[in-house]
PDB file of N, CA and C in Angstrom:
ATOM      1  N   MET A   1     -18.691  37.656 -14.312  1.00  0.00           N
ATOM      2  CA  MET A   1     -19.158  36.319 -14.035  1.00  0.00           C
ATOM      3  C   MET A   1     -19.041  35.469 -15.346  1.00  0.00           C
ATOM      4  N   ALA A   2     -18.609  34.283 -15.176  1.00  0.00           N
ATOM      5  CA  ALA A   2     -18.439  33.410 -16.346  1.00  0.00           C
ATOM      6  C   ALA A   2     -19.824  32.884 -16.863  1.00  0.00           C
ATOM      7  N   SER A   3     -19.938  32.854 -18.139  1.00  0.00           N
ATOM      8  CA  SER A   3     -21.217  32.373 -18.687  1.00  0.00           C
ATOM      9  C   SER A   3     -21.274  30.819 -18.606  1.00  0.00           C
ATOM     10  N   ARG A   4     -22.433  30.294 -18.519  1.00  0.00           N
ATOM     11  CA  ARG A   4     -22.618  28.868 -18.505  1.00  0.00           C
ATOM     12  C   ARG A   4     -22.762  28.344 -19.884  1.00  0.00           C
ATOM     13  N   ARG A   5     -22.105  27.186 -20.124  1.00  0.00           N
ATOM     14  CA  ARG A   5     -22.225  26.665 -21.453  1.00  0.00           C
ATOM     15  C   ARG A   5     -23.370  25.673 -21.513  1.00  0.00           C
ATOM     16  N   ASN A   6     -23.908  25.563 -22.642  1.00  0.00           N
ATOM     17  CA  ASN A   6     -25.063  24.642 -22.896  1.00  0.00           C
ATOM     18  C   ASN A   6     -24.539  23.251 -23.092  1.00  0.00           C
ATOM     19  N   VAL A   7     -24.577  22.466 -22.030  1.00  0.00           N
ATOM     20  CA  VAL A   7     -24.027  21.064 -22.066  1.00  0.00           C
ATOM     21  C   VAL A   7     -25.165  20.161 -21.830  1.00  0.00           C
ATOM     22  N   GLN A   8     -25.316  19.136 -22.711  1.00  0.00           N
ATOM     23  CA  GLN A   8     -26.350  18.174 -22.530  1.00  0.00           C
ATOM     24  C   GLN A   8     -25.800  16.922 -21.843  1.00  0.00           C
ATOM     25  N   TYR A   9     -26.270  16.547 -20.719  1.00  0.00           N
ATOM     26  CA  TYR A   9     -25.826  15.418 -19.942  1.00  0.00           C
ATOM     27  C   TYR A   9     -26.804  14.279 -20.171  1.00  0.00           C
ATOM     28  N   SER A  10     -26.295  13.030 -20.029  1.00  0.00           N
ATOM     29  CA  SER A  10     -27.123  11.865 -20.136  1.00  0.00           C
ATOM     30  C   SER A  10     -27.018  11.039 -18.853  1.00  0.00           C
ATOM     31  N   ARG A  11     -28.015  10.207 -18.564  1.00  0.00           N
ATOM     32  CA  ARG A  11     -27.979   9.475 -17.398  1.00  0.00           C
ATOM     33  C   ARG A  11     -27.005   8.280 -17.562  1.00  0.00           C
ATOM     34  N   LEU A  12     -26.387   7.855 -16.439  1.00  0.00           N
ATOM     35  CA  LEU A  12     -25.536   6.776 -16.437  1.00  0.00           C
ATOM     36  C   LEU A  12     -26.402   5.475 -16.401  1.00  0.00           C
ATOM     37  N   ALA A  13     -25.779   4.378 -16.847  1.00  0.00           N
ATOM     38  CA  ALA A  13     -26.453   3.086 -16.833  1.00  0.00           C
ATOM     39  C   ALA A  13     -26.606   2.646 -15.385  1.00  0.00           C
ATOM     40  N   THR A  14     -27.674   1.952 -15.092  1.00  0.00           N
ATOM     41  CA  THR A  14     -27.955   1.516 -13.689  1.00  0.00           C
ATOM     42  C   THR A  14     -27.069   0.394 -13.285  1.00  0.00           C
ATOM     43  N   GLU A  15     -26.730  -0.433 -14.218  1.00  0.00           N
ATOM     44  CA  GLU A  15     -25.843  -1.568 -13.907  1.00  0.00           C
ATOM     45  C   GLU A  15     -24.410  -1.129 -14.051  1.00  0.00           C
ATOM     46  N   GLU A  16     -23.630  -1.324 -12.981  1.00  0.00           N
ATOM     47  CA  GLU A  16     -22.284  -0.885 -12.985  1.00  0.00           C
ATOM     48  C   GLU A  16     -21.368  -1.689 -13.869  1.00  0.00           C
ATOM     49  N   ASP A  17     -21.415  -2.983 -13.777  1.00  0.00           N
ATOM     50  CA  ASP A  17     -20.456  -3.879 -14.546  1.00  0.00           C
ATOM     51  C   ASP A  17     -21.237  -4.928 -15.290  1.00  0.00           C
ATOM     52  N   ASP A  18     -21.230  -4.887 -16.597  1.00  0.00           N
ATOM     53  CA  ASP A  18     -21.840  -5.922 -17.370  1.00  0.00           C
ATOM     54  C   ASP A  18     -21.001  -7.138 -17.444  1.00  0.00           C
ATOM     55  N   ASP A  19     -19.682  -6.993 -17.417  1.00  0.00           N
ATOM     56  CA  ASP A  19     -18.747  -8.132 -17.575  1.00  0.00           C
ATOM     57  C   ASP A  19     -18.467  -8.816 -16.236  1.00  0.00           C
ATOM     58  N   TYR A  20     -18.865  -8.302 -15.139  1.00  0.00           N
ATOM     59  CA  TYR A  20     -18.566  -8.867 -13.876  1.00  0.00           C
ATOM     60  C   TYR A  20     -19.496 -10.047 -13.495  1.00  0.00           C
ATOM     61  N   SER A  21     -18.892 -11.172 -13.245  1.00  0.00           N
ATOM     62  CA  SER A  21     -19.736 -12.392 -13.072  1.00  0.00           C
ATOM     63  C   SER A  21     -20.400 -12.439 -11.670  1.00  0.00           C
ATOM     64  N   GLY A  22     -20.005 -11.619 -10.766  1.00  0.00           N
ATOM     65  CA  GLY A  22     -20.611 -11.607  -9.478  1.00  0.00           C
ATOM     66  C   GLY A  22     -20.121 -12.700  -8.513  1.00  0.00           C
ATOM     67  N   THR A  23     -19.066 -13.393  -8.875  1.00  0.00           N
ATOM     68  CA  THR A  23     -18.535 -14.431  -7.996  1.00  0.00           C
ATOM     69  C   THR A  23     -17.602 -13.905  -6.957  1.00  0.00           C
ATOM     70  N   GLY A  24     -17.159 -12.647  -7.118  1.00  0.00           N
ATOM     71  CA  GLY A  24     -16.243 -12.075  -6.146  1.00  0.00           C
ATOM     72  C   GLY A  24     -14.805 -12.125  -6.653  1.00  0.00           C
ATOM     73  N   ASN A  25     -14.527 -12.690  -7.752  1.00  0.00           N
ATOM     74  CA  ASN A  25     -13.177 -12.764  -8.265  1.00  0.00           C
ATOM     75  C   ASN A  25     -13.025 -11.654  -9.364  1.00  0.00           C
ATOM     76  N   ASP A  26     -12.060 -10.856  -9.132  1.00  0.00           N
ATOM     77  CA  ASP A  26     -11.776  -9.843 -10.213  1.00  0.00           C
ATOM     78  C   ASP A  26     -10.349 -10.198 -10.716  1.00  0.00           C
ATOM     79  N   ARG A  27     -10.253 -10.398 -11.997  1.00  0.00           N
ATOM     80  CA  ARG A  27      -9.028 -10.852 -12.587  1.00  0.00           C
ATOM     81  C   ARG A  27      -7.903  -9.845 -12.436  1.00  0.00           C
ATOM     82  N   ARG A  28      -8.226  -8.585 -12.217  1.00  0.00           N
ATOM     83  CA  ARG A  28      -7.200  -7.513 -12.126  1.00  0.00           C
ATOM     84  C   ARG A  28      -6.410  -7.708 -10.840  1.00  0.00           C
ATOM     85  N   PHE A  29      -7.017  -8.276  -9.812  1.00  0.00           N
ATOM     86  CA  PHE A  29      -6.362  -8.416  -8.580  1.00  0.00           C
ATOM     87  C   PHE A  29      -5.886  -9.811  -8.185  1.00  0.00           C
ATOM     88  N   ASP A  30      -5.862 -10.665  -9.173  1.00  0.00           N
ATOM     89  CA  ASP A  30      -5.336 -12.015  -8.944  1.00  0.00           C
ATOM     90  C   ASP A  30      -3.888 -12.000  -8.547  1.00  0.00           C
ATOM     91  N   TYR A  31      -3.580 -12.870  -7.639  1.00  0.00           N
ATOM     92  CA  TYR A  31      -2.173 -13.000  -7.154  1.00  0.00           C
ATOM     93  C   TYR A  31      -1.430 -13.802  -8.194  1.00  0.00           C
ATOM     94  N   THR A  32      -0.330 -13.309  -8.700  1.00  0.00           N
ATOM     95  CA  THR A  32       0.552 -14.029  -9.568  1.00  0.00           C
ATOM     96  C   THR A  32       1.966 -13.950  -8.968  1.00  0.00           C
ATOM     97  N   PRO A  33       2.411 -15.054  -8.461  1.00  0.00           N
ATOM     98  CA  PRO A  33       3.790 -15.098  -7.802  1.00  0.00           C
ATOM     99  C   PRO A  33       4.927 -14.808  -8.750  1.00  0.00           C
ATOM    100  N   ARG A  34       4.693 -15.051 -10.072  1.00  0.00           N
ATOM    101  CA  ARG A  34       5.767 -14.798 -11.029  1.00  0.00           C
ATOM    102  C   ARG A  34       6.058 -13.339 -11.180  1.00  0.00           C
ATOM    103  N   SER A  35       4.997 -12.470 -11.007  1.00  0.00           N
ATOM    104  CA  SER A  35       5.259 -11.035 -11.101  1.00  0.00           C
ATOM    105  C   SER A  35       6.118 -10.534  -9.994  1.00  0.00           C
ATOM    106  N   PHE A  36       6.108 -11.221  -8.770  1.00  0.00           N
ATOM    107  CA  PHE A  36       6.944 -10.707  -7.661  1.00  0.00           C
ATOM    108  C   PHE A  36       8.408 -11.248  -7.822  1.00  0.00           C
ATOM    109  N   ASP A  37       8.571 -12.346  -8.600  1.00  0.00           N
ATOM    110  CA  ASP A  37       9.901 -12.867  -8.731  1.00  0.00           C
ATOM    111  C   ASP A  37      10.652 -12.346  -9.934  1.00  0.00           C
ATOM    112  N   LYS A  38      10.039 -11.520 -10.764  1.00  0.00           N
ATOM    113  CA  LYS A  38      10.700 -10.991 -11.859  1.00  0.00           C
ATOM    114  C   LYS A  38      11.791  -9.997 -11.470  1.00  0.00           C
ATOM    115  N   VAL A  39      12.951 -10.234 -11.991  1.00  0.00           N
ATOM    116  CA  VAL A  39      14.155  -9.454 -11.604  1.00  0.00           C
ATOM    117  C   VAL A  39      14.254  -8.213 -12.572  1.00  0.00           C
ATOM    118  N   PRO A  40      14.185  -6.998 -12.001  1.00  0.00           N
ATOM    119  CA  PRO A  40      14.276  -5.822 -12.824  1.00  0.00           C
ATOM    120  C   PRO A  40      15.734  -5.462 -13.134  1.00  0.00           C
ATOM    121  N   TRP A  41      16.267  -6.074 -14.186  1.00  0.00           N
ATOM    122  CA  TRP A  41      17.727  -5.946 -14.502  1.00  0.00           C
ATOM    123  C   TRP A  41      18.092  -4.540 -14.802  1.00  0.00           C
ATOM    124  N   LYS A  42      17.275  -3.776 -15.549  1.00  0.00           N
ATOM    125  CA  LYS A  42      17.629  -2.380 -15.903  1.00  0.00           C
ATOM    126  C   LYS A  42      17.761  -1.530 -14.658  1.00  0.00           C
ATOM    127  N   SER A  43      16.848  -1.664 -13.714  1.00  0.00           N
ATOM    128  CA  SER A  43      16.875  -0.908 -12.477  1.00  0.00           C
ATOM    129  C   SER A  43      18.082  -1.245 -11.657  1.00  0.00           C
ATOM    130  N   ILE A  44      18.448  -2.551 -11.635  1.00  0.00           N
ATOM    131  CA  ILE A  44      19.645  -2.969 -10.852  1.00  0.00           C
ATOM    132  C   ILE A  44      20.863  -2.404 -11.459  1.00  0.00           C
ATOM    133  N   CYS A  45      20.991  -2.465 -12.753  1.00  0.00           N
ATOM    134  CA  CYS A  45      22.138  -1.858 -13.470  1.00  0.00           C
ATOM    135  C   CYS A  45      22.255  -0.372 -13.198  1.00  0.00           C
ATOM    136  N   LEU A  46      21.138   0.311 -13.284  1.00  0.00           N
ATOM    137  CA  LEU A  46      21.077   1.805 -12.981  1.00  0.00           C
ATOM    138  C   LEU A  46      21.543   1.969 -11.527  1.00  0.00           C
ATOM    139  N   ALA A  47      21.015   1.202 -10.595  1.00  0.00           N
ATOM    140  CA  ALA A  47      21.422   1.359  -9.204  1.00  0.00           C
ATOM    141  C   ALA A  47      22.956   1.166  -9.009  1.00  0.00           C
ATOM    142  N   LEU A  48      23.458   0.107  -9.671  1.00  0.00           N
ATOM    143  CA  LEU A  48      24.934  -0.118  -9.540  1.00  0.00           C
ATOM    144  C   LEU A  48      25.709   1.058 -10.148  1.00  0.00           C
ATOM    145  N   PHE A  49      25.223   1.583 -11.216  1.00  0.00           N
ATOM    146  CA  PHE A  49      25.901   2.699 -11.913  1.00  0.00           C
ATOM    147  C   PHE A  49      25.856   3.937 -10.927  1.00  0.00           C
ATOM    148  N   LEU A  50      24.714   4.232 -10.363  1.00  0.00           N
ATOM    149  CA  LEU A  50      24.597   5.373  -9.463  1.00  0.00           C
ATOM    150  C   LEU A  50      25.473   5.140  -8.220  1.00  0.00           C
ATOM    151  N   LEU A  51      25.547   3.936  -7.703  1.00  0.00           N
ATOM    152  CA  LEU A  51      26.393   3.674  -6.569  1.00  0.00           C
ATOM    153  C   LEU A  51      27.837   3.870  -6.855  1.00  0.00           C
ATOM    154  N   SER A  52      28.278   3.378  -8.003  1.00  0.00           N
ATOM    155  CA  SER A  52      29.709   3.546  -8.341  1.00  0.00           C
ATOM    156  C   SER A  52      30.073   5.001  -8.694  1.00  0.00           C
ATOM    157  N   LEU A  53      29.149   5.730  -9.392  1.00  0.00           N
ATOM    158  CA  LEU A  53      29.376   7.091  -9.664  1.00  0.00           C
ATOM    159  C   LEU A  53      29.388   7.957  -8.467  1.00  0.00           C
ATOM    160  N   GLY A  54      28.482   7.665  -7.548  1.00  0.00           N
ATOM    161  CA  GLY A  54      28.474   8.459  -6.309  1.00  0.00           C
ATOM    162  C   GLY A  54      29.675   8.172  -5.447  1.00  0.00           C
ATOM    163  N   SER A  55      30.157   6.925  -5.423  1.00  0.00           N
ATOM    164  CA  SER A  55      31.383   6.590  -4.691  1.00  0.00           C
ATOM    165  C   SER A  55      32.568   7.325  -5.251  1.00  0.00           C
ATOM    166  N   LEU A  56      32.653   7.393  -6.582  1.00  0.00           N
ATOM    167  CA  LEU A  56      33.724   8.066  -7.254  1.00  0.00           C
ATOM    168  C   LEU A  56      33.757   9.578  -6.964  1.00  0.00           C
ATOM    169  N   LEU A  57      32.552  10.168  -7.012  1.00  0.00           N
ATOM    170  CA  LEU A  57      32.467  11.563  -6.718  1.00  0.00           C
ATOM    171  C   LEU A  57      32.761  11.890  -5.247  1.00  0.00           C
ATOM    172  N   LEU A  58      32.351  11.006  -4.381  1.00  0.00           N
ATOM    173  CA  LEU A  58      32.676  11.240  -2.943  1.00  0.00           C
ATOM    174  C   LEU A  58      34.114  11.122  -2.655  1.00  0.00           C
ATOM    175  N   PHE A  59      34.767  10.130  -3.319  1.00  0.00           N
ATOM    176  CA  PHE A  59      36.249  10.026  -3.151  1.00  0.00           C
ATOM    177  C   PHE A  59      37.010  11.197  -3.713  1.00  0.00           C
ATOM    178  N   LEU A  60      36.536  11.700  -4.879  1.00  0.00           N
ATOM    179  CA  LEU A  60      37.177  12.900  -5.446  1.00  0.00           C
ATOM    180  C   LEU A  60      36.982  14.102  -4.551  1.00  0.00           C
ATOM    181  N   SER A  61      35.807  14.270  -3.956  1.00  0.00           N
ATOM    182  CA  SER A  61      35.617  15.430  -3.107  1.00  0.00           C
ATOM    183  C   SER A  61      36.462  15.273  -1.806  1.00  0.00           C
ATOM    184  N   TYR A  62      36.654  14.083  -1.302  1.00  0.00           N
ATOM    185  CA  TYR A  62      37.479  13.837  -0.181  1.00  0.00           C
ATOM    186  C   TYR A  62      38.943  14.150  -0.475  1.00  0.00           C
ATOM    187  N   PHE A  63      39.381  13.743  -1.634  1.00  0.00           N
ATOM    188  CA  PHE A  63      40.768  14.063  -1.977  1.00  0.00           C
ATOM    189  C   PHE A  63      41.022  15.583  -2.140  1.00  0.00           C
ATOM    190  N   ILE A  64      40.011  16.255  -2.679  1.00  0.00           N
ATOM    191  CA  ILE A  64      40.215  17.697  -2.830  1.00  0.00           C
ATOM    192  C   ILE A  64      40.149  18.396  -1.469  1.00  0.00           C
ATOM    193  N   PHE A  65      39.256  17.944  -0.605  1.00  0.00           N
ATOM    194  CA  PHE A  65      39.213  18.495   0.797  1.00  0.00           C
ATOM    195  C   PHE A  65      40.497  18.301   1.558  1.00  0.00           C
ATOM    196  N   THR A  66      41.168  17.194   1.384  1.00  0.00           N
ATOM    197  CA  THR A  66      42.373  16.841   2.138  1.00  0.00           C
ATOM    198  C   THR A  66      43.670  17.304   1.429  1.00  0.00           C
ATOM    199  N   ALA A  67      43.452  17.963   0.299  1.00  0.00           N
ATOM    200  CA  ALA A  67      44.586  18.524  -0.484  1.00  0.00           C
ATOM    201  C   ALA A  67      45.553  17.451  -1.085  1.00  0.00           C
ATOM    202  N   HIS A  68      44.992  16.201  -1.245  1.00  0.00           N
ATOM    203  CA  HIS A  68      45.792  15.285  -1.971  1.00  0.00           C
ATOM    204  C   HIS A  68      45.677  15.393  -3.507  1.00  0.00           C
ATOM    205  N   MET A  69      44.707  16.244  -3.842  1.00  0.00           N
ATOM    206  CA  MET A  69      44.456  16.502  -5.231  1.00  0.00           C
ATOM    207  C   MET A  69      44.212  17.973  -5.379  1.00  0.00           C
ATOM    208  N   GLY A  70      44.642  18.576  -6.482  1.00  0.00           N
ATOM    209  CA  GLY A  70      44.454  20.007  -6.693  1.00  0.00           C
ATOM    210  C   GLY A  70      43.011  20.352  -6.998  1.00  0.00           C
ATOM    211  N   GLY A  71      42.559  21.538  -6.550  1.00  0.00           N
ATOM    212  CA  GLY A  71      41.236  21.980  -6.692  1.00  0.00           C
ATOM    213  C   GLY A  71      40.830  22.935  -5.671  1.00  0.00           C
ATOM    214  N   GLU A  72      39.743  23.671  -5.971  1.00  0.00           N
ATOM    215  CA  GLU A  72      39.240  24.684  -5.031  1.00  0.00           C
ATOM    216  C   GLU A  72      38.188  24.045  -4.128  1.00  0.00           C
ATOM    217  N   MET A  73      37.911  24.704  -3.040  1.00  0.00           N
ATOM    218  CA  MET A  73      36.862  24.189  -2.114  1.00  0.00           C
ATOM    219  C   MET A  73      35.545  24.172  -2.735  1.00  0.00           C
ATOM    220  N   SER A  74      35.199  25.126  -3.616  1.00  0.00           N
ATOM    221  CA  SER A  74      33.944  25.111  -4.215  1.00  0.00           C
ATOM    222  C   SER A  74      33.716  23.875  -5.088  1.00  0.00           C
ATOM    223  N   GLN A  75      34.801  23.418  -5.736  1.00  0.00           N
ATOM    224  CA  GLN A  75      34.702  22.213  -6.547  1.00  0.00           C
ATOM    225  C   GLN A  75      34.449  20.983  -5.629  1.00  0.00           C
ATOM    226  N   ALA A  76      35.085  20.990  -4.450  1.00  0.00           N
ATOM    227  CA  ALA A  76      34.887  19.892  -3.486  1.00  0.00           C
ATOM    228  C   ALA A  76      33.449  19.845  -2.980  1.00  0.00           C
ATOM    229  N   TYR A  77      32.909  20.994  -2.693  1.00  0.00           N
ATOM    230  CA  TYR A  77      31.549  21.005  -2.204  1.00  0.00           C
ATOM    231  C   TYR A  77      30.544  20.584  -3.268  1.00  0.00           C
ATOM    232  N   GLY A  78      30.825  20.981  -4.548  1.00  0.00           N
ATOM    233  CA  GLY A  78      29.944  20.535  -5.641  1.00  0.00           C
ATOM    234  C   GLY A  78      30.045  19.063  -5.837  1.00  0.00           C
ATOM    235  N   LEU A  79      31.220  18.472  -5.784  1.00  0.00           N
ATOM    236  CA  LEU A  79      31.375  17.043  -5.922  1.00  0.00           C
ATOM    237  C   LEU A  79      30.792  16.302  -4.787  1.00  0.00           C
ATOM    238  N   LEU A  80      30.858  16.904  -3.653  1.00  0.00           N
ATOM    239  CA  LEU A  80      30.296  16.290  -2.452  1.00  0.00           C
ATOM    240  C   LEU A  80      28.714  16.207  -2.541  1.00  0.00           C
ATOM    241  N   ALA A  81      28.175  17.288  -3.015  1.00  0.00           N
ATOM    242  CA  ALA A  81      26.657  17.329  -3.223  1.00  0.00           C
ATOM    243  C   ALA A  81      26.225  16.325  -4.282  1.00  0.00           C
ATOM    244  N   LEU A  82      26.969  16.330  -5.377  1.00  0.00           N
ATOM    245  CA  LEU A  82      26.580  15.430  -6.510  1.00  0.00           C
ATOM    246  C   LEU A  82      26.835  13.959  -6.066  1.00  0.00           C
ATOM    247  N   GLY A  83      27.893  13.731  -5.282  1.00  0.00           N
ATOM    248  CA  GLY A  83      28.202  12.390  -4.822  1.00  0.00           C
ATOM    249  C   GLY A  83      27.086  11.877  -3.909  1.00  0.00           C
ATOM    250  N   ILE A  84      26.640  12.739  -3.040  1.00  0.00           N
ATOM    251  CA  ILE A  84      25.556  12.356  -2.106  1.00  0.00           C
ATOM    252  C   ILE A  84      24.234  12.046  -2.891  1.00  0.00           C
ATOM    253  N   LEU A  85      23.980  12.941  -3.863  1.00  0.00           N
ATOM    254  CA  LEU A  85      22.730  12.778  -4.642  1.00  0.00           C
ATOM    255  C   LEU A  85      22.739  11.492  -5.496  1.00  0.00           C
ATOM    256  N   THR A  86      23.867  11.031  -5.901  1.00  0.00           N
ATOM    257  CA  THR A  86      23.954   9.813  -6.715  1.00  0.00           C
ATOM    258  C   THR A  86      24.179   8.598  -5.846  1.00  0.00           C
ATOM    259  N   PHE A  87      24.879   8.728  -4.778  1.00  0.00           N
ATOM    260  CA  PHE A  87      25.210   7.578  -3.950  1.00  0.00           C
ATOM    261  C   PHE A  87      23.993   7.007  -3.230  1.00  0.00           C
ATOM    262  N   LEU A  88      23.227   7.918  -2.623  1.00  0.00           N
ATOM    263  CA  LEU A  88      22.152   7.416  -1.735  1.00  0.00           C
ATOM    264  C   LEU A  88      21.067   6.634  -2.517  1.00  0.00           C
ATOM    265  N   PRO A  89      20.523   7.080  -3.665  1.00  0.00           N
ATOM    266  CA  PRO A  89      19.551   6.196  -4.343  1.00  0.00           C
ATOM    267  C   PRO A  89      20.183   4.928  -4.860  1.00  0.00           C
ATOM    268  N   GLY A  90      21.425   4.960  -5.290  1.00  0.00           N
ATOM    269  CA  GLY A  90      22.110   3.804  -5.780  1.00  0.00           C
ATOM    270  C   GLY A  90      22.283   2.798  -4.672  1.00  0.00           C
ATOM    271  N   PHE A  91      22.683   3.202  -3.451  1.00  0.00           N
ATOM    272  CA  PHE A  91      22.874   2.327  -2.324  1.00  0.00           C
ATOM    273  C   PHE A  91      21.561   1.716  -1.887  1.00  0.00           C
ATOM    274  N   TYR A  92      20.498   2.555  -1.872  1.00  0.00           N
ATOM    275  CA  TYR A  92      19.151   2.121  -1.447  1.00  0.00           C
ATOM    276  C   TYR A  92      18.656   0.946  -2.364  1.00  0.00           C
ATOM    277  N   GLU A  93      18.686   1.163  -3.638  1.00  0.00           N
ATOM    278  CA  GLU A  93      18.162   0.162  -4.573  1.00  0.00           C
ATOM    279  C   GLU A  93      19.050  -1.074  -4.615  1.00  0.00           C
ATOM    280  N   THR A  94      20.340  -0.889  -4.473  1.00  0.00           N
ATOM    281  CA  THR A  94      21.263  -2.042  -4.487  1.00  0.00           C
ATOM    282  C   THR A  94      21.078  -2.860  -3.239  1.00  0.00           C
ATOM    283  N   ARG A  95      20.826  -2.227  -2.137  1.00  0.00           N
ATOM    284  CA  ARG A  95      20.554  -2.917  -0.861  1.00  0.00           C
ATOM    285  C   ARG A  95      19.294  -3.767  -0.964  1.00  0.00           C
ATOM    286  N   ILE A  96      18.214  -3.180  -1.557  1.00  0.00           N
ATOM    287  CA  ILE A  96      16.976  -3.907  -1.735  1.00  0.00           C
ATOM    288  C   ILE A  96      17.212  -5.060  -2.673  1.00  0.00           C
ATOM    289  N   ALA A  97      17.922  -4.947  -3.738  1.00  0.00           N
ATOM    290  CA  ALA A  97      18.167  -5.969  -4.702  1.00  0.00           C
ATOM    291  C   ALA A  97      19.037  -7.070  -4.047  1.00  0.00           C
ATOM    292  N   TYR A  98      20.007  -6.767  -3.244  1.00  0.00           N
ATOM    293  CA  TYR A  98      20.831  -7.819  -2.571  1.00  0.00           C
ATOM    294  C   TYR A  98      20.008  -8.561  -1.621  1.00  0.00           C
ATOM    295  N   TYR A  99      19.256  -7.888  -0.759  1.00  0.00           N
ATOM    296  CA  TYR A  99      18.494  -8.605   0.248  1.00  0.00           C
ATOM    297  C   TYR A  99      17.362  -9.505  -0.459  1.00  0.00           C
ATOM    298  N   ALA A 100      16.782  -8.995  -1.528  1.00  0.00           N
ATOM    299  CA  ALA A 100      15.807  -9.803  -2.277  1.00  0.00           C
ATOM    300  C   ALA A 100      16.468 -11.018  -2.869  1.00  0.00           C
ATOM    301  N   TRP A 101      17.691 -10.905  -3.391  1.00  0.00           N
ATOM    302  CA  TRP A 101      18.423 -12.016  -3.920  1.00  0.00           C
ATOM    303  C   TRP A 101      18.781 -13.015  -2.906  1.00  0.00           C
ATOM    304  N   ARG A 102      19.092 -12.489  -1.657  1.00  0.00           N
ATOM    305  CA  ARG A 102      19.455 -13.418  -0.584  1.00  0.00           C
ATOM    306  C   ARG A 102      18.179 -14.096  -0.010  1.00  0.00           C
ATOM    307  N   GLY A 103      16.965 -13.488  -0.248  1.00  0.00           N
ATOM    308  CA  GLY A 103      15.729 -14.128   0.213  1.00  0.00           C
ATOM    309  C   GLY A 103      15.362 -13.651   1.607  1.00  0.00           C
ATOM    310  N   ALA A 104      15.849 -12.486   2.046  1.00  0.00           N
ATOM    311  CA  ALA A 104      15.543 -11.970   3.362  1.00  0.00           C
ATOM    312  C   ALA A 104      14.072 -11.618   3.408  1.00  0.00           C
ATOM    313  N   GLN A 105      13.511 -11.829   4.579  1.00  0.00           N
ATOM    314  CA  GLN A 105      12.091 -11.572   4.769  1.00  0.00           C
ATOM    315  C   GLN A 105      11.763 -10.094   4.629  1.00  0.00           C
ATOM    316  N   GLY A 106      10.745  -9.812   3.883  1.00  0.00           N
ATOM    317  CA  GLY A 106      10.319  -8.423   3.687  1.00  0.00           C
ATOM    318  C   GLY A 106      10.904  -7.725   2.538  1.00  0.00           C
ATOM    319  N   PHE A 107      11.898  -8.398   1.796  1.00  0.00           N
ATOM    320  CA  PHE A 107      12.449  -7.766   0.574  1.00  0.00           C
ATOM    321  C   PHE A 107      12.117  -8.633  -0.567  1.00  0.00           C
ATOM    322  N   ARG A 108      11.519  -7.974  -1.607  1.00  0.00           N
ATOM    323  CA  ARG A 108      11.177  -8.656  -2.842  1.00  0.00           C
ATOM    324  C   ARG A 108      11.665  -7.764  -3.991  1.00  0.00           C
ATOM    325  N   PHE A 109      11.890  -8.395  -5.115  1.00  0.00           N
ATOM    326  CA  PHE A 109      12.235  -7.658  -6.307  1.00  0.00           C
ATOM    327  C   PHE A 109      11.086  -6.708  -6.745  1.00  0.00           C
ATOM    328  N   ALA A 110       9.911  -6.996  -6.305  1.00  0.00           N
ATOM    329  CA  ALA A 110       8.745  -6.126  -6.720  1.00  0.00           C
ATOM    330  C   ALA A 110       8.865  -4.759  -6.035  1.00  0.00           C
ATOM    331  N   SER A 111       9.679  -4.580  -4.990  1.00  0.00           N
ATOM    332  CA  SER A 111       9.944  -3.316  -4.300  1.00  0.00           C
ATOM    333  C   SER A 111      10.700  -2.330  -5.225  1.00  0.00           C
ATOM    334  N   ILE A 112      11.415  -2.882  -6.164  1.00  0.00           N
ATOM    335  CA  ILE A 112      12.284  -2.029  -7.047  1.00  0.00           C
ATOM    336  C   ILE A 112      11.450  -1.667  -8.256  1.00  0.00           C
ATOM    337  N   PRO A 113      11.343  -0.377  -8.560  1.00  0.00           N
ATOM    338  CA  PRO A 113      10.594   0.045  -9.808  1.00  0.00           C
ATOM    339  C   PRO A 113      11.255  -0.531 -11.065  1.00  0.00           C
ATOM    340  N   ASP A 114      10.452  -0.923 -11.996  1.00  0.00           N
ATOM    341  CA  ASP A 114      10.938  -1.506 -13.207  1.00  0.00           C
ATOM    342  C   ASP A 114      10.759  -0.526 -14.353  1.00  0.00           C
ATOM    343  N   TYR A 115      11.860  -0.288 -15.067  1.00  0.00           N
ATOM    344  CA  TYR A 115      11.819   0.675 -16.177  1.00  0.00           C
ATOM    345  C   TYR A 115      11.786   0.004 -17.526  1.00  0.00           C
TER     346      TYR A 115
END
């Protein structure tokens, strides 16, 4: 059985928030429309890179499968798996960025994670 440590605890303060004014407005949750309209350029560039790399890998695997290009089937399956893994997230983020740019309802740049 584990031994108990001798820990001294102290009581918490009875007042929860000394800085809270009690008006019901918390500045942490204020709506700022500028934060929703900020364009995450790094994320969009990453999405376009993943989309183009995934497309390239999928085309290479297609060419190996159809014997238009030399290679073994194991290479084609590897390129196919890598192509799918890079194409799907790139397509998803690029689609969100495109629809947010067009102003479609339900799509905002805030849906894209910013790095």
